Amino acid sequence: MRAAVRAAGLAHTARTRLEAARTEIAERGDRGDGPIPTVIILLVTIAGALTIAGALAALYAKYGGKLTGP
């Protein structure tokens, strides 16, 4: 019996939170996060990381022998 009461309480809580979320979404509207700007930001981040990694690899290739010492 306790489990049934607890399950009913959890279901009510879930419904209440879902309704609150729907109300908030209706009030605020679309956040404006489009998939295209997200992909562009992701690609620029990856390109920047690859550029830094490439520069570090080039520096290591150029000065690698000098860094190890005599």
C-alpha atoms as a PDB file:
ATOM      1  CA  MET A   1       0.000   0.000   0.000  1.00  0.00           C
ATOM      2  CA  ARG A   2       2.837   2.411   0.832  1.00  0.00           C
ATOM      3  CA  ALA A   3       4.441   1.774  -2.542  1.00  0.00           C
ATOM      4  CA  ALA A   4       1.211   2.670  -4.342  1.00  0.00           C
ATOM      5  CA  VAL A   5       0.869   5.902  -2.376  1.00  0.00           C
ATOM      6  CA  ARG A   6       4.504   6.770  -3.036  1.00  0.00           C
ATOM      7  CA  ALA A   7       4.128   6.010  -6.758  1.00  0.00           C
ATOM      8  CA  ALA A   8       1.036   8.212  -6.935  1.00  0.00           C
ATOM      9  CA  GLY A   9       2.930  11.003  -5.185  1.00  0.00           C
ATOM     10  CA  LEU A  10       5.854  10.703  -7.599  1.00  0.00           C
ATOM     11  CA  ALA A  11       3.497  10.728 -10.573  1.00  0.00           C
ATOM     12  CA  HIS A  12       1.831  13.882  -9.244  1.00  0.00           C
ATOM     13  CA  THR A  13       5.227  15.529  -8.719  1.00  0.00           C
ATOM     14  CA  ALA A  14       6.304  14.619 -12.250  1.00  0.00           C
ATOM     15  CA  ARG A  15       3.066  15.998 -13.722  1.00  0.00           C
ATOM     16  CA  THR A  16       3.441  19.212 -11.718  1.00  0.00           C
ATOM     17  CA  ARG A  17       7.038  19.754 -12.854  1.00  0.00           C
ATOM     18  CA  LEU A  18       6.166  18.963 -16.464  1.00  0.00           C
ATOM     19  CA  GLU A  19       3.306  21.458 -16.395  1.00  0.00           C
ATOM     20  CA  ALA A  20       5.597  24.098 -14.865  1.00  0.00           C
ATOM     21  CA  ALA A  21       8.173  23.460 -17.589  1.00  0.00           C
ATOM     22  CA  ARG A  22       5.536  23.747 -20.317  1.00  0.00           C
ATOM     23  CA  THR A  23       4.280  27.006 -18.836  1.00  0.00           C
ATOM     24  CA  GLU A  24       7.812  28.414 -18.695  1.00  0.00           C
ATOM     25  CA  ILE A  25       8.487  27.390 -22.302  1.00  0.00           C
ATOM     26  CA  ALA A  26       5.236  29.028 -23.410  1.00  0.00           C
ATOM     27  CA  GLU A  27       6.126  32.254 -21.580  1.00  0.00           C
ATOM     28  CA  ARG A  28       9.746  32.495 -22.726  1.00  0.00           C
ATOM     29  CA  GLY A  29       9.332  31.207 -26.242  1.00  0.00           C
ATOM     30  CA  ASP A  30      12.114  29.876 -28.398  1.00  0.00           C
ATOM     31  CA  ARG A  31      15.618  30.330 -27.012  1.00  0.00           C
ATOM     32  CA  GLY A  32      16.941  30.920 -30.503  1.00  0.00           C
ATOM     33  CA  ASP A  33      19.572  28.201 -30.386  1.00  0.00           C
ATOM     34  CA  GLY A  34      19.704  26.973 -33.939  1.00  0.00           C
ATOM     35  CA  PRO A  35      21.620  23.903 -35.014  1.00  0.00           C
ATOM     36  CA  ILE A  36      23.615  25.758 -37.680  1.00  0.00           C
ATOM     37  CA  PRO A  37      25.350  28.242 -35.325  1.00  0.00           C
ATOM     38  CA  THR A  38      26.039  25.384 -32.928  1.00  0.00           C
ATOM     39  CA  VAL A  39      27.740  23.386 -35.688  1.00  0.00           C
ATOM     40  CA  ILE A  40      29.730  26.433 -36.791  1.00  0.00           C
ATOM     41  CA  ILE A  41      30.971  27.045 -33.249  1.00  0.00           C
ATOM     42  CA  LEU A  42      31.884  23.376 -32.897  1.00  0.00           C
ATOM     43  CA  LEU A  43      33.817  23.352 -36.188  1.00  0.00           C
ATOM     44  CA  VAL A  44      35.697  26.549 -35.310  1.00  0.00           C
ATOM     45  CA  THR A  45      36.640  25.081 -31.938  1.00  0.00           C
ATOM     46  CA  ILE A  46      37.925  21.882 -33.540  1.00  0.00           C
ATOM     47  CA  ALA A  47      39.842  23.863 -36.181  1.00  0.00           C
ATOM     48  CA  GLY A  48      41.447  25.984 -33.461  1.00  0.00           C
ATOM     49  CA  ALA A  49      42.465  22.916 -31.488  1.00  0.00           C
ATOM     50  CA  LEU A  50      43.960  21.307 -34.596  1.00  0.00           C
ATOM     51  CA  THR A  51      45.855  24.508 -35.414  1.00  0.00           C
ATOM     52  CA  ILE A  52      47.356  24.634 -31.938  1.00  0.00           C
ATOM     53  CA  ALA A  53      48.239  20.932 -32.051  1.00  0.00           C
ATOM     54  CA  GLY A  54      49.829  21.373 -35.476  1.00  0.00           C
ATOM     55  CA  ALA A  55      51.867  24.346 -34.308  1.00  0.00           C
ATOM     56  CA  LEU A  56      53.086  22.426 -31.268  1.00  0.00           C
ATOM     57  CA  ALA A  57      53.987  19.427 -33.432  1.00  0.00           C
ATOM     58  CA  ALA A  58      55.912  21.668 -35.830  1.00  0.00           C
ATOM     59  CA  LEU A  59      57.807  23.285 -32.967  1.00  0.00           C
ATOM     60  CA  TYR A  60      58.610  19.898 -31.476  1.00  0.00           C
ATOM     61  CA  ALA A  61      59.828  18.621 -34.851  1.00  0.00           C
ATOM     62  CA  LYS A  62      62.013  21.698 -35.308  1.00  0.00           C
ATOM     63  CA  TYR A  63      63.434  21.942 -31.803  1.00  0.00           C
ATOM     64  CA  GLY A  64      62.939  18.402 -30.491  1.00  0.00           C
ATOM     65  CA  GLY A  65      66.612  17.509 -30.502  1.00  0.00           C
ATOM     66  CA  LYS A  66      67.583  20.719 -28.778  1.00  0.00           C
ATOM     67  CA  LEU A  67      65.056  20.235 -25.975  1.00  0.00           C
ATOM     68  CA  THR A  68      66.462  16.903 -24.802  1.00  0.00           C
ATOM     69  CA  GLY A  69      69.755  18.445 -23.849  1.00  0.00           C
ATOM     70  CA  PRO A  70      73.364  17.232 -24.293  1.00  0.00           C
END
